[in-house]
Amino acid sequence: MRLWRQDMGMTQTELGELLGYCVFYVNHIERNSRTVADHAWKHLSLIYAVHSLPPDAPVSILQEMLIPPTLAAKRAKAAERLAQRKAKKTKTSKRKRSTPRNLRRNNPSSP
């Protein structure tokens, strides 16, 4: 954790503020006298990844980093299903939908 913090150019106080920990807790973590929760490691890795991006990085990269992989997979499947439905809809709309004569009602407006 110390290496990441130093690589980002942060103090223990700044890193503690980002993670929601006090400076003493960060110090204990760096000296290996306290363990870090999984969510804190994920948060720290995200902070490190964002800091390592170039300043002109597109926003879409940041959005992809913030979306959990399971949600990204669900969104991809939903987009695929939507595309299939649209393709299916265009196929059915291209077909001529005419009612057979024996099923038509006595409606003067129908052809």
PDB file of N, CA and C in Angstrom:
ATOM      1  N   MET A   1       0.839  -1.193   0.000  1.00  0.00           N
ATOM      2  CA  MET A   1       0.000   0.000   0.000  1.00  0.00           C
ATOM      3  C   MET A   1       0.881   1.252   0.000  1.00  0.00           C
ATOM      4  N   ARG A   2       1.967   1.190   0.708  1.00  0.00           N
ATOM      5  CA  ARG A   2       2.874   2.331   0.762  1.00  0.00           C
ATOM      6  C   ARG A   2       3.426   2.655  -0.629  1.00  0.00           C
ATOM      7  N   LEU A   3       3.776   1.601  -1.377  1.00  0.00           N
ATOM      8  CA  LEU A   3       4.320   1.823  -2.722  1.00  0.00           C
ATOM      9  C   LEU A   3       3.306   2.512  -3.626  1.00  0.00           C
ATOM     10  N   TRP A   4       2.047   2.080  -3.565  1.00  0.00           N
ATOM     11  CA  TRP A   4       1.011   2.720  -4.371  1.00  0.00           C
ATOM     12  C   TRP A   4       0.845   4.181  -3.964  1.00  0.00           C
ATOM     13  N   ARG A   5       0.799   4.409  -2.666  1.00  0.00           N
ATOM     14  CA  ARG A   5       0.600   5.778  -2.170  1.00  0.00           C
ATOM     15  C   ARG A   5       1.746   6.666  -2.626  1.00  0.00           C
ATOM     16  N   GLN A   6       2.962   6.178  -2.496  1.00  0.00           N
ATOM     17  CA  GLN A   6       4.126   6.980  -2.891  1.00  0.00           C
ATOM     18  C   GLN A   6       4.170   7.174  -4.403  1.00  0.00           C
ATOM     19  N   ASP A   7       3.768   6.147  -5.146  1.00  0.00           N
ATOM     20  CA  ASP A   7       3.743   6.267  -6.602  1.00  0.00           C
ATOM     21  C   ASP A   7       2.737   7.322  -7.054  1.00  0.00           C
ATOM     22  N   MET A   8       1.642   7.457  -6.319  1.00  0.00           N
ATOM     23  CA  MET A   8       0.638   8.472  -6.652  1.00  0.00           C
ATOM     24  C   MET A   8       1.021   9.847  -6.104  1.00  0.00           C
ATOM     25  N   GLY A   9       2.068   9.893  -5.297  1.00  0.00           N
ATOM     26  CA  GLY A   9       2.507  11.171  -4.746  1.00  0.00           C
ATOM     27  C   GLY A   9       1.596  11.700  -3.657  1.00  0.00           C
ATOM     28  N   MET A  10       1.035  10.812  -2.864  1.00  0.00           N
ATOM     29  CA  MET A  10       0.108  11.220  -1.808  1.00  0.00           C
ATOM     30  C   MET A  10       0.740  11.027  -0.439  1.00  0.00           C
ATOM     31  N   THR A  11       0.233  11.782   0.494  1.00  0.00           N
ATOM     32  CA  THR A  11       0.616  11.579   1.892  1.00  0.00           C
ATOM     33  C   THR A  11      -0.347  10.578   2.505  1.00  0.00           C
ATOM     34  N   GLN A  12      -0.017  10.106   3.692  1.00  0.00           N
ATOM     35  CA  GLN A  12      -0.918   9.184   4.385  1.00  0.00           C
ATOM     36  C   GLN A  12      -2.248   9.862   4.700  1.00  0.00           C
ATOM     37  N   THR A  13      -2.194  11.134   5.014  1.00  0.00           N
ATOM     38  CA  THR A  13      -3.418  11.883   5.315  1.00  0.00           C
ATOM     39  C   THR A  13      -4.317  11.953   4.085  1.00  0.00           C
ATOM     40  N   GLU A  14      -3.738  12.265   2.918  1.00  0.00           N
ATOM     41  CA  GLU A  14      -4.529  12.363   1.689  1.00  0.00           C
ATOM     42  C   GLU A  14      -5.145  11.011   1.312  1.00  0.00           C
ATOM     43  N   LEU A  15      -4.345   9.953   1.425  1.00  0.00           N
ATOM     44  CA  LEU A  15      -4.871   8.629   1.101  1.00  0.00           C
ATOM     45  C   LEU A  15      -5.967   8.224   2.090  1.00  0.00           C
ATOM     46  N   GLY A  16      -5.764   8.538   3.353  1.00  0.00           N
ATOM     47  CA  GLY A  16      -6.776   8.241   4.360  1.00  0.00           C
ATOM     48  C   GLY A  16      -8.083   8.954   4.066  1.00  0.00           C
ATOM     49  N   GLU A  17      -8.009  10.197   3.609  1.00  0.00           N
ATOM     50  CA  GLU A  17      -9.225  10.944   3.266  1.00  0.00           C
ATOM     51  C   GLU A  17      -9.940  10.303   2.080  1.00  0.00           C
ATOM     52  N   LEU A  18      -9.170   9.857   1.084  1.00  0.00           N
ATOM     53  CA  LEU A  18      -9.787   9.213  -0.075  1.00  0.00           C
ATOM     54  C   LEU A  18     -10.471   7.900   0.286  1.00  0.00           C
ATOM     55  N   LEU A  19      -9.835   7.130   1.174  1.00  0.00           N
ATOM     56  CA  LEU A  19     -10.379   5.828   1.554  1.00  0.00           C
ATOM     57  C   LEU A  19     -11.377   5.907   2.700  1.00  0.00           C
ATOM     58  N   GLY A  20     -11.430   7.058   3.364  1.00  0.00           N
ATOM     59  CA  GLY A  20     -12.327   7.208   4.503  1.00  0.00           C
ATOM     60  C   GLY A  20     -11.727   6.681   5.800  1.00  0.00           C
ATOM     61  N   TYR A  21     -10.407   6.631   5.875  1.00  0.00           N
ATOM     62  CA  TYR A  21      -9.698   6.180   7.074  1.00  0.00           C
ATOM     63  C   TYR A  21      -8.929   7.346   7.673  1.00  0.00           C
ATOM     64  N   CYS A  22      -8.620   7.237   8.965  1.00  0.00           N
ATOM     65  CA  CYS A  22      -7.779   8.258   9.584  1.00  0.00           C
ATOM     66  C   CYS A  22      -6.312   7.935   9.255  1.00  0.00           C
ATOM     67  N   VAL A  23      -5.448   8.916   9.452  1.00  0.00           N
ATOM     68  CA  VAL A  23      -4.038   8.755   9.117  1.00  0.00           C
ATOM     69  C   VAL A  23      -3.390   7.650   9.952  1.00  0.00           C
ATOM     70  N   PHE A  24      -3.853   7.467  11.170  1.00  0.00           N
ATOM     71  CA  PHE A  24      -3.286   6.426  12.032  1.00  0.00           C
ATOM     72  C   PHE A  24      -3.595   5.030  11.484  1.00  0.00           C
ATOM     73  N   TYR A  25      -4.794   4.850  10.960  1.00  0.00           N
ATOM     74  CA  TYR A  25      -5.169   3.554  10.409  1.00  0.00           C
ATOM     75  C   TYR A  25      -4.339   3.245   9.156  1.00  0.00           C
ATOM     76  N   VAL A  26      -4.144   4.254   8.302  1.00  0.00           N
ATOM     77  CA  VAL A  26      -3.308   4.079   7.111  1.00  0.00           C
ATOM     78  C   VAL A  26      -1.894   3.697   7.525  1.00  0.00           C
ATOM     79  N   ASN A  27      -1.387   4.351   8.555  1.00  0.00           N
ATOM     80  CA  ASN A  27      -0.053   4.052   9.057  1.00  0.00           C
ATOM     81  C   ASN A  27       0.018   2.604   9.546  1.00  0.00           C
ATOM     82  N   HIS A  28      -0.991   2.153  10.274  1.00  0.00           N
ATOM     83  CA  HIS A  28      -1.019   0.769  10.769  1.00  0.00           C
ATOM     84  C   HIS A  28      -1.069  -0.226   9.604  1.00  0.00           C
ATOM     85  N   ILE A  29      -1.819   0.117   8.575  1.00  0.00           N
ATOM     86  CA  ILE A  29      -1.912  -0.760   7.405  1.00  0.00           C
ATOM     87  C   ILE A  29      -0.548  -0.879   6.732  1.00  0.00           C
ATOM     88  N   GLU A  30       0.119   0.252   6.572  1.00  0.00           N
ATOM     89  CA  GLU A  30       1.422   0.240   5.911  1.00  0.00           C
ATOM     90  C   GLU A  30       2.478  -0.506   6.731  1.00  0.00           C
ATOM     91  N   ARG A  31       2.333  -0.545   8.040  1.00  0.00           N
ATOM     92  CA  ARG A  31       3.279  -1.284   8.888  1.00  0.00           C
ATOM     93  C   ARG A  31       2.851  -2.733   9.095  1.00  0.00           C
ATOM     94  N   ASN A  32       1.784  -3.138   8.412  1.00  0.00           N
ATOM     95  CA  ASN A  32       1.238  -4.503   8.479  1.00  0.00           C
ATOM     96  C   ASN A  32       0.735  -4.892   9.866  1.00  0.00           C
ATOM     97  N   SER A  33       0.327  -3.931  10.652  1.00  0.00           N
ATOM     98  CA  SER A  33      -0.261  -4.271  11.944  1.00  0.00           C
ATOM     99  C   SER A  33      -1.787  -4.309  11.873  1.00  0.00           C
ATOM    100  N   ARG A  34      -2.354  -3.893  10.742  1.00  0.00           N
ATOM    101  CA  ARG A  34      -3.797  -3.978  10.484  1.00  0.00           C
ATOM    102  C   ARG A  34      -4.004  -4.536   9.085  1.00  0.00           C
ATOM    103  N   THR A  35      -5.118  -5.229   8.899  1.00  0.00           N
ATOM    104  CA  THR A  35      -5.446  -5.736   7.568  1.00  0.00           C
ATOM    105  C   THR A  35      -6.393  -4.765   6.867  1.00  0.00           C
ATOM    106  N   VAL A  36      -6.403  -4.878   5.565  1.00  0.00           N
ATOM    107  CA  VAL A  36      -7.245  -4.006   4.755  1.00  0.00           C
ATOM    108  C   VAL A  36      -8.436  -4.813   4.252  1.00  0.00           C
ATOM    109  N   ALA A  37      -9.608  -4.225   4.340  1.00  0.00           N
ATOM    110  CA  ALA A  37     -10.822  -4.876   3.839  1.00  0.00           C
ATOM    111  C   ALA A  37     -10.770  -4.955   2.314  1.00  0.00           C
ATOM    112  N   ASP A  38     -11.468  -5.932   1.756  1.00  0.00           N
ATOM    113  CA  ASP A  38     -11.482  -6.112   0.297  1.00  0.00           C
ATOM    114  C   ASP A  38     -11.984  -4.867  -0.425  1.00  0.00           C
ATOM    115  N   HIS A  39     -13.030  -4.252   0.113  1.00  0.00           N
ATOM    116  CA  HIS A  39     -13.579  -3.071  -0.553  1.00  0.00           C
ATOM    117  C   HIS A  39     -12.568  -1.929  -0.574  1.00  0.00           C
ATOM    118  N   ALA A  40     -11.716  -1.841   0.447  1.00  0.00           N
ATOM    119  CA  ALA A  40     -10.696  -0.790   0.472  1.00  0.00           C
ATOM    120  C   ALA A  40      -9.637  -1.052  -0.597  1.00  0.00           C
ATOM    121  N   TRP A  41      -9.268  -2.329  -0.801  1.00  0.00           N
ATOM    122  CA  TRP A  41      -8.302  -2.655  -1.863  1.00  0.00           C
ATOM    123  C   TRP A  41      -8.877  -2.314  -3.230  1.00  0.00           C
ATOM    124  N   LYS A  42     -10.160  -2.629  -3.422  1.00  0.00           N
ATOM    125  CA  LYS A  42     -10.796  -2.308  -4.705  1.00  0.00           C
ATOM    126  C   LYS A  42     -10.834  -0.802  -4.924  1.00  0.00           C
ATOM    127  N   HIS A  43     -11.165  -0.080  -3.877  1.00  0.00           N
ATOM    128  CA  HIS A  43     -11.210   1.377  -3.949  1.00  0.00           C
ATOM    129  C   HIS A  43      -9.820   1.940  -4.256  1.00  0.00           C
ATOM    130  N   LEU A  44      -8.826   1.415  -3.560  1.00  0.00           N
ATOM    131  CA  LEU A  44      -7.459   1.872  -3.766  1.00  0.00           C
ATOM    132  C   LEU A  44      -6.967   1.557  -5.175  1.00  0.00           C
ATOM    133  N   SER A  45      -7.291   0.380  -5.689  1.00  0.00           N
ATOM    134  CA  SER A  45      -6.862   0.035  -7.046  1.00  0.00           C
ATOM    135  C   SER A  45      -7.534   0.920  -8.084  1.00  0.00           C
ATOM    136  N   LEU A  46      -8.795   1.288  -7.834  1.00  0.00           N
ATOM    137  CA  LEU A  46      -9.487   2.193  -8.740  1.00  0.00           C
ATOM    138  C   LEU A  46      -8.848   3.581  -8.707  1.00  0.00           C
ATOM    139  N   ILE A  47      -8.529   4.054  -7.520  1.00  0.00           N
ATOM    140  CA  ILE A  47      -7.866   5.359  -7.391  1.00  0.00           C
ATOM    141  C   ILE A  47      -6.531   5.343  -8.130  1.00  0.00           C
ATOM    142  N   TYR A  48      -5.769   4.265  -7.946  1.00  0.00           N
ATOM    143  CA  TYR A  48      -4.472   4.140  -8.607  1.00  0.00           C
ATOM    144  C   TYR A  48      -4.637   4.116 -10.123  1.00  0.00           C
ATOM    145  N   ALA A  49      -5.632   3.378 -10.612  1.00  0.00           N
ATOM    146  CA  ALA A  49      -5.861   3.299 -12.056  1.00  0.00           C
ATOM    147  C   ALA A  49      -6.251   4.647 -12.631  1.00  0.00           C
ATOM    148  N   VAL A  50      -7.092   5.385 -11.928  1.00  0.00           N
ATOM    149  CA  VAL A  50      -7.510   6.707 -12.409  1.00  0.00           C
ATOM    150  C   VAL A  50      -6.323   7.668 -12.424  1.00  0.00           C
ATOM    151  N   HIS A  51      -5.496   7.605 -11.379  1.00  0.00           N
ATOM    152  CA  HIS A  51      -4.331   8.494 -11.331  1.00  0.00           C
ATOM    153  C   HIS A  51      -3.300   8.145 -12.397  1.00  0.00           C
ATOM    154  N   SER A  52      -3.274   6.897 -12.850  1.00  0.00           N
ATOM    155  CA  SER A  52      -2.293   6.502 -13.852  1.00  0.00           C
ATOM    156  C   SER A  52      -2.738   6.819 -15.279  1.00  0.00           C
ATOM    157  N   LEU A  53      -3.992   7.228 -15.457  1.00  0.00           N
ATOM    158  CA  LEU A  53      -4.477   7.580 -16.791  1.00  0.00           C
ATOM    159  C   LEU A  53      -3.912   8.932 -17.222  1.00  0.00           C
ATOM    160  N   PRO A  54      -3.727   9.112 -18.530  1.00  0.00           N
ATOM    161  CA  PRO A  54      -3.298  10.428 -19.001  1.00  0.00           C
ATOM    162  C   PRO A  54      -4.412  11.452 -18.804  1.00  0.00           C
ATOM    163  N   PRO A  55      -4.059  12.726 -18.693  1.00  0.00           N
ATOM    164  CA  PRO A  55      -5.087  13.756 -18.438  1.00  0.00           C
ATOM    165  C   PRO A  55      -6.134  13.862 -19.542  1.00  0.00           C
ATOM    166  N   ASP A  56      -5.783  13.494 -20.773  1.00  0.00           N
ATOM    167  CA  ASP A  56      -6.732  13.615 -21.878  1.00  0.00           C
ATOM    168  C   ASP A  56      -7.455  12.303 -22.181  1.00  0.00           C
ATOM    169  N   ALA A  57      -7.500  11.398 -21.218  1.00  0.00           N
ATOM    170  CA  ALA A  57      -8.175  10.113 -21.406  1.00  0.00           C
ATOM    171  C   ALA A  57      -9.676  10.332 -21.583  1.00  0.00           C
ATOM    172  N   PRO A  58     -10.296   9.578 -22.496  1.00  0.00           N
ATOM    173  CA  PRO A  58     -11.743   9.754 -22.695  1.00  0.00           C
ATOM    174  C   PRO A  58     -12.544   9.318 -21.463  1.00  0.00           C
ATOM    175  N   VAL A  59     -13.677   9.933 -21.298  1.00  0.00           N
ATOM    176  CA  VAL A  59     -14.538   9.660 -20.154  1.00  0.00           C
ATOM    177  C   VAL A  59     -15.032   8.221 -20.183  1.00  0.00           C
ATOM    178  N   SER A  60     -15.190   7.651 -21.368  1.00  0.00           N
ATOM    179  CA  SER A  60     -15.707   6.282 -21.474  1.00  0.00           C
ATOM    180  C   SER A  60     -14.797   5.288 -20.755  1.00  0.00           C
ATOM    181  N   ILE A  61     -13.491   5.547 -20.735  1.00  0.00           N
ATOM    182  CA  ILE A  61     -12.566   4.662 -20.023  1.00  0.00           C
ATOM    183  C   ILE A  61     -12.870   4.694 -18.534  1.00  0.00           C
ATOM    184  N   LEU A  62     -13.100   5.887 -18.005  1.00  0.00           N
ATOM    185  CA  LEU A  62     -13.425   6.007 -16.586  1.00  0.00           C
ATOM    186  C   LEU A  62     -14.749   5.333 -16.271  1.00  0.00           C
ATOM    187  N   GLN A  63     -15.722   5.482 -17.157  1.00  0.00           N
ATOM    188  CA  GLN A  63     -17.017   4.855 -16.928  1.00  0.00           C
ATOM    189  C   GLN A  63     -16.888   3.343 -16.908  1.00  0.00           C
ATOM    190  N   GLU A  64     -16.081   2.791 -17.812  1.00  0.00           N
ATOM    191  CA  GLU A  64     -15.879   1.344 -17.838  1.00  0.00           C
ATOM    192  C   GLU A  64     -15.205   0.865 -16.564  1.00  0.00           C
ATOM    193  N   MET A  65     -14.304   1.680 -16.013  1.00  0.00           N
ATOM    194  CA  MET A  65     -13.598   1.294 -14.801  1.00  0.00           C
ATOM    195  C   MET A  65     -14.529   1.304 -13.593  1.00  0.00           C
ATOM    196  N   LEU A  66     -15.533   2.161 -13.611  1.00  0.00           N
ATOM    197  CA  LEU A  66     -16.429   2.287 -12.468  1.00  0.00           C
ATOM    198  C   LEU A  66     -17.546   1.251 -12.460  1.00  0.00           C
ATOM    199  N   ILE A  67     -17.825   0.648 -13.611  1.00  0.00           N
ATOM    200  CA  ILE A  67     -18.905  -0.323 -13.699  1.00  0.00           C
ATOM    201  C   ILE A  67     -18.379  -1.698 -13.307  1.00  0.00           C
ATOM    202  N   PRO A  68     -19.018  -2.360 -12.366  1.00  0.00           N
ATOM    203  CA  PRO A  68     -18.578  -3.711 -12.008  1.00  0.00           C
ATOM    204  C   PRO A  68     -18.694  -4.658 -13.199  1.00  0.00           C
ATOM    205  N   PRO A  69     -17.796  -5.642 -13.311  1.00  0.00           N
ATOM    206  CA  PRO A  69     -17.818  -6.563 -14.457  1.00  0.00           C
ATOM    207  C   PRO A  69     -19.143  -7.299 -14.627  1.00  0.00           C
ATOM    208  N   THR A  70     -19.788  -7.666 -13.529  1.00  0.00           N
ATOM    209  CA  THR A  70     -21.061  -8.380 -13.655  1.00  0.00           C
ATOM    210  C   THR A  70     -22.130  -7.494 -14.269  1.00  0.00           C
ATOM    211  N   LEU A  71     -22.133  -6.221 -13.897  1.00  0.00           N
ATOM    212  CA  LEU A  71     -23.102  -5.294 -14.465  1.00  0.00           C
ATOM    213  C   LEU A  71     -22.789  -5.026 -15.930  1.00  0.00           C
ATOM    214  N   ALA A  72     -21.518  -4.943 -16.273  1.00  0.00           N
ATOM    215  CA  ALA A  72     -21.131  -4.729 -17.658  1.00  0.00           C
ATOM    216  C   ALA A  72     -21.592  -5.897 -18.530  1.00  0.00           C
ATOM    217  N   ALA A  73     -21.454  -7.123 -18.013  1.00  0.00           N
ATOM    218  CA  ALA A  73     -21.904  -8.303 -18.763  1.00  0.00           C
ATOM    219  C   ALA A  73     -23.422  -8.284 -18.942  1.00  0.00           C
ATOM    220  N   LYS A  74     -24.144  -7.880 -17.901  1.00  0.00           N
ATOM    221  CA  LYS A  74     -25.607  -7.802 -18.008  1.00  0.00           C
ATOM    222  C   LYS A  74     -26.019  -6.746 -19.031  1.00  0.00           C
ATOM    223  N   ARG A  75     -25.324  -5.617 -19.026  1.00  0.00           N
ATOM    224  CA  ARG A  75     -25.643  -4.567 -19.997  1.00  0.00           C
ATOM    225  C   ARG A  75     -25.363  -5.022 -21.421  1.00  0.00           C
ATOM    226  N   ALA A  76     -24.270  -5.756 -21.616  1.00  0.00           N
ATOM    227  CA  ALA A  76     -23.931  -6.253 -22.949  1.00  0.00           C
ATOM    228  C   ALA A  76     -24.993  -7.232 -23.439  1.00  0.00           C
ATOM    229  N   LYS A  77     -25.455  -8.130 -22.565  1.00  0.00           N
ATOM    230  CA  LYS A  77     -26.494  -9.080 -22.944  1.00  0.00           C
ATOM    231  C   LYS A  77     -27.798  -8.359 -23.278  1.00  0.00           C
ATOM    232  N   ALA A  78     -28.122  -7.346 -22.484  1.00  0.00           N
ATOM    233  CA  ALA A  78     -29.353  -6.587 -22.729  1.00  0.00           C
ATOM    234  C   ALA A  78     -29.266  -5.858 -24.070  1.00  0.00           C
ATOM    235  N   ALA A  79     -28.116  -5.293 -24.373  1.00  0.00           N
ATOM    236  CA  ALA A  79     -27.936  -4.599 -25.652  1.00  0.00           C
ATOM    237  C   ALA A  79     -28.046  -5.575 -26.818  1.00  0.00           C
ATOM    238  N   GLU A  80     -27.527  -6.774 -26.632  1.00  0.00           N
ATOM    239  CA  GLU A  80     -27.607  -7.801 -27.676  1.00  0.00           C
ATOM    240  C   GLU A  80     -29.056  -8.229 -27.908  1.00  0.00           C
ATOM    241  N   ARG A  81     -29.791  -8.435 -26.811  1.00  0.00           N
ATOM    242  CA  ARG A  81     -31.211  -8.805 -26.944  1.00  0.00           C
ATOM    243  C   ARG A  81     -32.003  -7.701 -27.634  1.00  0.00           C
ATOM    244  N   LEU A  82     -31.701  -6.458 -27.296  1.00  0.00           N
ATOM    245  CA  LEU A  82     -32.397  -5.331 -27.916  1.00  0.00           C
ATOM    246  C   LEU A  82     -32.104  -5.274 -29.410  1.00  0.00           C
ATOM    247  N   ALA A  83     -30.845  -5.502 -29.775  1.00  0.00           N
ATOM    248  CA  ALA A  83     -30.482  -5.502 -31.192  1.00  0.00           C
ATOM    249  C   ALA A  83     -31.191  -6.632 -31.934  1.00  0.00           C
ATOM    250  N   GLN A  84     -31.314  -7.804 -31.301  1.00  0.00           N
ATOM    251  CA  GLN A  84     -32.018  -8.928 -31.917  1.00  0.00           C
ATOM    252  C   GLN A  84     -33.495  -8.608 -32.102  1.00  0.00           C
ATOM    253  N   ARG A  85     -34.088  -7.965 -31.101  1.00  0.00           N
ATOM    254  CA  ARG A  85     -35.506  -7.598 -31.219  1.00  0.00           C
ATOM    255  C   ARG A  85     -35.727  -6.599 -32.342  1.00  0.00           C
ATOM    256  N   LYS A  86     -34.827  -5.622 -32.443  1.00  0.00           N
ATOM    257  CA  LYS A  86     -34.950  -4.627 -33.513  1.00  0.00           C
ATOM    258  C   LYS A  86     -34.805  -5.280 -34.881  1.00  0.00           C
ATOM    259  N   ALA A  87     -33.849  -6.207 -34.992  1.00  0.00           N
ATOM    260  CA  ALA A  87     -33.651  -6.900 -36.262  1.00  0.00           C
ATOM    261  C   ALA A  87     -34.876  -7.733 -36.601  1.00  0.00           C
ATOM    262  N   LYS A  88     -35.444  -8.384 -35.607  1.00  0.00           N
ATOM    263  CA  LYS A  88     -36.635  -9.199 -35.814  1.00  0.00           C
ATOM    264  C   LYS A  88     -37.821  -8.328 -36.218  1.00  0.00           C
ATOM    265  N   LYS A  89     -37.914  -7.158 -35.601  1.00  0.00           N
ATOM    266  CA  LYS A  89     -39.012  -6.236 -35.887  1.00  0.00           C
ATOM    267  C   LYS A  89     -38.925  -5.723 -37.321  1.00  0.00           C
ATOM    268  N   THR A  90     -37.714  -5.407 -37.773  1.00  0.00           N
ATOM    269  CA  THR A  90     -37.568  -4.905 -39.141  1.00  0.00           C
ATOM    270  C   THR A  90     -37.888  -5.997 -40.151  1.00  0.00           C
ATOM    271  N   LYS A  91     -37.599  -7.263 -39.838  1.00  0.00           N
ATOM    272  CA  LYS A  91     -37.948  -8.361 -40.737  1.00  0.00           C
ATOM    273  C   LYS A  91     -39.452  -8.504 -40.858  1.00  0.00           C
ATOM    274  N   THR A  92     -40.154  -8.393 -39.734  1.00  0.00           N
ATOM    275  CA  THR A  92     -41.612  -8.539 -39.770  1.00  0.00           C
ATOM    276  C   THR A  92     -42.269  -7.326 -40.407  1.00  0.00           C
ATOM    277  N   SER A  93     -41.686  -6.170 -40.275  1.00  0.00           N
ATOM    278  CA  SER A  93     -42.299  -4.980 -40.876  1.00  0.00           C
ATOM    279  C   SER A  93     -42.098  -4.962 -42.384  1.00  0.00           C
ATOM    280  N   LYS A  94     -41.089  -5.668 -42.900  1.00  0.00           N
ATOM    281  CA  LYS A  94     -40.852  -5.717 -44.337  1.00  0.00           C
ATOM    282  C   LYS A  94     -41.856  -6.633 -45.030  1.00  0.00           C
ATOM    283  N   ARG A  95     -42.339  -7.627 -44.300  1.00  0.00           N
ATOM    284  CA  ARG A  95     -43.334  -8.514 -44.884  1.00  0.00           C
ATOM    285  C   ARG A  95     -44.668  -7.780 -45.023  1.00  0.00           C
ATOM    286  N   LYS A  96     -45.369  -8.099 -46.061  1.00  0.00           N
ATOM    287  CA  LYS A  96     -46.669  -7.484 -46.256  1.00  0.00           C
ATOM    288  C   LYS A  96     -47.670  -8.177 -45.350  1.00  0.00           C
ATOM    289  N   ARG A  97     -48.313  -7.403 -44.552  1.00  0.00           N
ATOM    290  CA  ARG A  97     -49.286  -7.963 -43.606  1.00  0.00           C
ATOM    291  C   ARG A  97     -50.696  -7.816 -44.192  1.00  0.00           C
ATOM    292  N   SER A  98     -51.081  -8.777 -44.937  1.00  0.00           N
ATOM    293  CA  SER A  98     -52.438  -8.715 -45.485  1.00  0.00           C
ATOM    294  C   SER A  98     -53.278  -9.824 -44.879  1.00  0.00           C
ATOM    295  N   THR A  99     -54.496  -9.522 -44.639  1.00  0.00           N
ATOM    296  CA  THR A  99     -55.417 -10.486 -44.058  1.00  0.00           C
ATOM    297  C   THR A  99     -56.039 -11.285 -45.192  1.00  0.00           C
ATOM    298  N   PRO A 100     -56.084 -12.594 -45.061  1.00  0.00           N
ATOM    299  CA  PRO A 100     -56.743 -13.387 -46.113  1.00  0.00           C
ATOM    300  C   PRO A 100     -58.209 -12.967 -46.266  1.00  0.00           C
ATOM    301  N   ARG A 101     -58.712 -13.106 -47.472  1.00  0.00           N
ATOM    302  CA  ARG A 101     -60.081 -12.648 -47.759  1.00  0.00           C
ATOM    303  C   ARG A 101     -61.124 -13.337 -46.886  1.00  0.00           C
ATOM    304  N   ASN A 102     -60.904 -14.593 -46.590  1.00  0.00           N
ATOM    305  CA  ASN A 102     -61.914 -15.306 -45.812  1.00  0.00           C
ATOM    306  C   ASN A 102     -61.948 -14.860 -44.349  1.00  0.00           C
ATOM    307  N   LEU A 103     -60.915 -14.144 -43.870  1.00  0.00           N
ATOM    308  CA  LEU A 103     -60.895 -13.671 -42.492  1.00  0.00           C
ATOM    309  C   LEU A 103     -61.300 -12.208 -42.359  1.00  0.00           C
ATOM    310  N   ARG A 104     -61.406 -11.520 -43.475  1.00  0.00           N
ATOM    311  CA  ARG A 104     -61.781 -10.104 -43.418  1.00  0.00           C
ATOM    312  C   ARG A 104     -63.230  -9.944 -43.035  1.00  0.00           C
ATOM    313  N   ARG A 105     -63.490  -8.879 -42.315  1.00  0.00           N
ATOM    314  CA  ARG A 105     -64.878  -8.548 -41.970  1.00  0.00           C
ATOM    315  C   ARG A 105     -65.474  -7.715 -43.099  1.00  0.00           C
ATOM    316  N   ASN A 106     -66.698  -7.555 -43.016  1.00  0.00           N
ATOM    317  CA  ASN A 106     -67.368  -6.710 -44.009  1.00  0.00           C
ATOM    318  C   ASN A 106     -67.106  -5.259 -43.679  1.00  0.00           C
ATOM    319  N   ASN A 107     -65.917  -4.828 -43.982  1.00  0.00           N
ATOM    320  CA  ASN A 107     -65.533  -3.455 -43.719  1.00  0.00           C
ATOM    321  C   ASN A 107     -65.259  -2.771 -45.050  1.00  0.00           C
ATOM    322  N   PRO A 108     -66.014  -1.749 -45.365  1.00  0.00           N
ATOM    323  CA  PRO A 108     -65.832  -1.111 -46.677  1.00  0.00           C
ATOM    324  C   PRO A 108     -64.476  -0.445 -46.837  1.00  0.00           C
ATOM    325  N   SER A 109     -63.833  -0.101 -45.723  1.00  0.00           N
ATOM    326  CA  SER A 109     -62.547   0.600 -45.847  1.00  0.00           C
ATOM    327  C   SER A 109     -61.390  -0.358 -46.118  1.00  0.00           C
ATOM    328  N   SER A 110     -61.596  -1.667 -45.883  1.00  0.00           N
ATOM    329  CA  SER A 110     -60.513  -2.617 -46.110  1.00  0.00           C
ATOM    330  C   SER A 110     -60.412  -2.928 -47.590  1.00  0.00           C
ATOM    331  N   PRO A 111     -59.227  -3.199 -48.098  1.00  0.00           N
ATOM    332  CA  PRO A 111     -59.051  -3.449 -49.551  1.00  0.00           C
ATOM    333  C   PRO A 111     -59.571  -4.789 -50.005  1.00  0.00           C
TER     334      PRO A 111
END
